[in-house]
Structure formats: structure tokens, C-alpha cells
N, C-alpha and C. Protein backbone atom coordinates (compact mmCIF):
# COMPACT_ATOMS: atom_id res chain seq x y z
N UNK A 1 36.59 -31.77 -1.16
CA UNK A 1 36.23 -30.38 -1.24
C UNK A 1 35.10 -30.15 -2.25
N UNK A 2 34.72 -31.16 -2.99
CA UNK A 2 33.65 -31.00 -3.96
C UNK A 2 32.29 -31.28 -3.36
N UNK A 3 32.22 -31.42 -2.05
CA UNK A 3 30.94 -31.72 -1.40
C UNK A 3 30.06 -30.47 -1.38
N UNK A 4 28.77 -30.69 -1.55
CA UNK A 4 27.81 -29.59 -1.48
C UNK A 4 27.30 -29.51 -0.06
N UNK A 5 27.49 -28.37 0.56
CA UNK A 5 27.02 -28.22 1.93
C UNK A 5 25.62 -27.63 1.92
N UNK A 6 24.79 -28.18 2.76
CA UNK A 6 23.41 -27.73 2.83
C UNK A 6 23.28 -26.76 3.99
N UNK A 7 22.61 -25.63 3.76
CA UNK A 7 22.39 -24.65 4.81
C UNK A 7 21.42 -25.20 5.85
N UNK A 8 21.35 -24.55 6.97
CA UNK A 8 20.51 -25.03 8.05
C UNK A 8 19.10 -24.46 8.01
N UNK A 9 18.84 -23.51 7.16
CA UNK A 9 17.54 -22.84 7.18
C UNK A 9 16.68 -23.17 5.95
N UNK A 10 17.01 -24.16 5.23
CA UNK A 10 16.21 -24.52 4.06
C UNK A 10 16.46 -23.55 2.92
N UNK A 11 15.52 -23.48 2.04
CA UNK A 11 15.67 -22.59 0.90
C UNK A 11 14.35 -21.94 0.56
N UNK A 12 14.30 -21.39 -0.63
CA UNK A 12 13.05 -20.76 -1.05
C UNK A 12 12.03 -21.84 -1.36
N UNK A 13 10.80 -21.55 -1.05
CA UNK A 13 9.72 -22.49 -1.31
C UNK A 13 8.66 -21.80 -2.15
N UNK A 14 8.10 -22.53 -3.08
CA UNK A 14 7.04 -21.97 -3.92
C UNK A 14 5.85 -21.60 -3.05
N UNK A 15 5.33 -20.40 -3.24
CA UNK A 15 4.16 -19.95 -2.48
C UNK A 15 4.47 -19.37 -1.12
N UNK A 16 5.74 -19.34 -0.74
CA UNK A 16 6.10 -18.81 0.58
C UNK A 16 6.25 -17.29 0.51
N UNK A 17 6.04 -16.64 1.60
CA UNK A 17 6.23 -15.19 1.68
C UNK A 17 4.96 -14.42 1.40
N UNK A 18 5.08 -13.11 1.47
CA UNK A 18 3.93 -12.24 1.24
C UNK A 18 3.58 -12.20 -0.23
N UNK A 19 2.31 -12.12 -0.50
CA UNK A 19 1.85 -12.00 -1.88
C UNK A 19 2.03 -10.56 -2.34
N UNK A 20 2.33 -10.37 -3.60
CA UNK A 20 2.51 -9.03 -4.14
C UNK A 20 1.14 -8.36 -4.28
N UNK A 21 1.12 -7.06 -4.04
CA UNK A 21 -0.12 -6.30 -4.19
C UNK A 21 0.00 -5.36 -5.37
N UNK A 22 -1.13 -4.88 -5.83
CA UNK A 22 -1.12 -3.91 -6.92
C UNK A 22 -1.19 -2.49 -6.39
N UNK A 23 -1.32 -2.36 -5.07
CA UNK A 23 -1.43 -1.03 -4.46
C UNK A 23 -0.05 -0.41 -4.29
N UNK A 24 -0.03 0.90 -4.35
CA UNK A 24 1.21 1.64 -4.13
C UNK A 24 1.00 2.59 -2.96
N UNK A 25 1.98 2.72 -2.12
CA UNK A 25 1.87 3.55 -0.92
C UNK A 25 2.34 4.97 -1.23
N UNK A 26 1.56 5.94 -0.74
CA UNK A 26 1.91 7.35 -0.89
C UNK A 26 1.92 8.01 0.48
N UNK A 27 2.77 8.96 0.65
CA UNK A 27 2.81 9.75 1.88
C UNK A 27 2.73 11.22 1.51
N UNK A 28 2.02 12.00 2.30
CA UNK A 28 1.92 13.42 2.02
C UNK A 28 1.72 14.18 3.31
N UNK A 29 2.02 15.46 3.27
CA UNK A 29 1.80 16.33 4.42
C UNK A 29 0.46 17.02 4.23
N UNK A 30 -0.41 16.87 5.21
CA UNK A 30 -1.74 17.46 5.13
C UNK A 30 -1.83 18.69 6.01
N UNK A 31 -2.50 19.74 5.52
CA UNK A 31 -2.70 20.92 6.36
C UNK A 31 -3.64 20.60 7.53
N UNK A 32 -3.66 21.49 8.50
CA UNK A 32 -4.40 21.24 9.73
C UNK A 32 -5.88 20.99 9.49
N UNK A 33 -6.51 21.72 8.56
CA UNK A 33 -7.94 21.52 8.31
C UNK A 33 -8.22 20.15 7.71
N UNK A 34 -7.32 19.65 6.88
CA UNK A 34 -7.47 18.31 6.31
C UNK A 34 -7.25 17.26 7.39
N UNK A 35 -6.29 17.49 8.25
CA UNK A 35 -6.02 16.55 9.35
C UNK A 35 -7.23 16.40 10.26
N UNK A 36 -7.90 17.51 10.54
CA UNK A 36 -9.07 17.43 11.42
C UNK A 36 -10.18 16.60 10.78
N UNK A 37 -10.30 16.65 9.46
CA UNK A 37 -11.30 15.81 8.77
C UNK A 37 -10.88 14.35 8.81
N UNK A 38 -9.63 14.08 8.49
CA UNK A 38 -9.15 12.69 8.44
C UNK A 38 -9.19 12.01 9.80
N UNK A 39 -9.01 12.78 10.86
CA UNK A 39 -9.05 12.20 12.20
C UNK A 39 -10.44 11.69 12.57
N UNK A 40 -11.47 12.19 11.90
CA UNK A 40 -12.85 11.77 12.17
C UNK A 40 -13.25 10.54 11.36
N UNK A 41 -12.41 10.13 10.42
CA UNK A 41 -12.74 9.04 9.50
C UNK A 41 -12.10 7.75 10.00
N UNK A 42 -12.89 6.65 10.00
CA UNK A 42 -12.35 5.35 10.42
C UNK A 42 -11.43 4.76 9.36
N UNK A 43 -11.91 4.67 8.10
CA UNK A 43 -11.14 4.07 7.01
C UNK A 43 -10.57 5.18 6.13
N UNK A 44 -9.41 5.68 6.51
CA UNK A 44 -8.81 6.81 5.81
C UNK A 44 -8.45 6.48 4.37
N UNK A 45 -7.98 5.27 4.12
CA UNK A 45 -7.58 4.89 2.76
C UNK A 45 -8.76 4.96 1.81
N UNK A 46 -9.87 4.37 2.18
CA UNK A 46 -11.06 4.40 1.32
C UNK A 46 -11.57 5.82 1.14
N UNK A 47 -11.56 6.60 2.22
CA UNK A 47 -12.04 7.98 2.16
C UNK A 47 -11.21 8.79 1.17
N UNK A 48 -9.90 8.68 1.27
CA UNK A 48 -9.00 9.44 0.39
C UNK A 48 -9.15 8.97 -1.06
N UNK A 49 -9.23 7.65 -1.27
CA UNK A 49 -9.38 7.12 -2.63
C UNK A 49 -10.68 7.59 -3.27
N UNK A 50 -11.78 7.54 -2.51
CA UNK A 50 -13.07 8.00 -3.03
C UNK A 50 -13.03 9.48 -3.37
N UNK A 51 -12.40 10.29 -2.52
CA UNK A 51 -12.31 11.72 -2.77
C UNK A 51 -11.49 12.01 -4.03
N UNK A 52 -10.40 11.31 -4.21
CA UNK A 52 -9.55 11.51 -5.39
C UNK A 52 -10.29 11.10 -6.65
N UNK A 53 -10.97 9.96 -6.62
CA UNK A 53 -11.71 9.51 -7.79
C UNK A 53 -12.84 10.47 -8.15
N UNK A 54 -13.54 10.98 -7.14
CA UNK A 54 -14.63 11.93 -7.39
C UNK A 54 -14.11 13.21 -8.03
N UNK A 55 -13.03 13.76 -7.49
CA UNK A 55 -12.45 14.98 -8.05
C UNK A 55 -11.90 14.75 -9.46
N UNK A 56 -11.30 13.60 -9.67
CA UNK A 56 -10.76 13.28 -11.00
C UNK A 56 -11.88 13.20 -12.04
N UNK A 57 -13.03 12.63 -11.66
CA UNK A 57 -14.18 12.58 -12.58
C UNK A 57 -14.70 13.98 -12.87
N UNK A 58 -14.80 14.82 -11.83
CA UNK A 58 -15.28 16.19 -12.01
C UNK A 58 -14.37 16.99 -12.94
N UNK A 59 -13.09 16.71 -12.90
CA UNK A 59 -12.13 17.43 -13.74
C UNK A 59 -11.91 16.77 -15.09
N UNK A 60 -12.63 15.67 -15.35
CA UNK A 60 -12.52 14.99 -16.64
C UNK A 60 -11.23 14.21 -16.83
N UNK A 61 -10.61 13.82 -15.74
CA UNK A 61 -9.35 13.08 -15.83
C UNK A 61 -9.58 11.60 -16.07
N UNK A 62 -10.76 11.12 -15.68
CA UNK A 62 -11.09 9.71 -15.91
C UNK A 62 -12.50 9.60 -16.46
């Protein structure tokens, strides 16, 4: 009964799996006028990030 049983699926391996990211996901409800703008944009993530950074600079937040 002191035998060690080995599982059939191996174990954890160094470097396996998805790499961790520094990005954080946000979800929000956008009004209709904002939706119409976002629907015209190919890369929504970059567009939103650039808009937030620009407004934050204008308001002296960064």
C-alpha cells in the first residue's frame, strides 16, 4: 500500500500553459452614440486606450 501511483496525464511542466499578461480586462456599457463610433473602428482596444490616455493628459492625471 506504500506504492506511489502515477497519474495517466503527466504533471505540470515548466514553461507550459499560457503566459501571464500585464493587461486587465474591463467591460462597460456604452451609449448608442459611442457604439456607432466603435463599430467603425477596426482595433477597438487601441482606439479606447488612446482616447483614455489623451483625456487623462488633458485633465492632468498623467
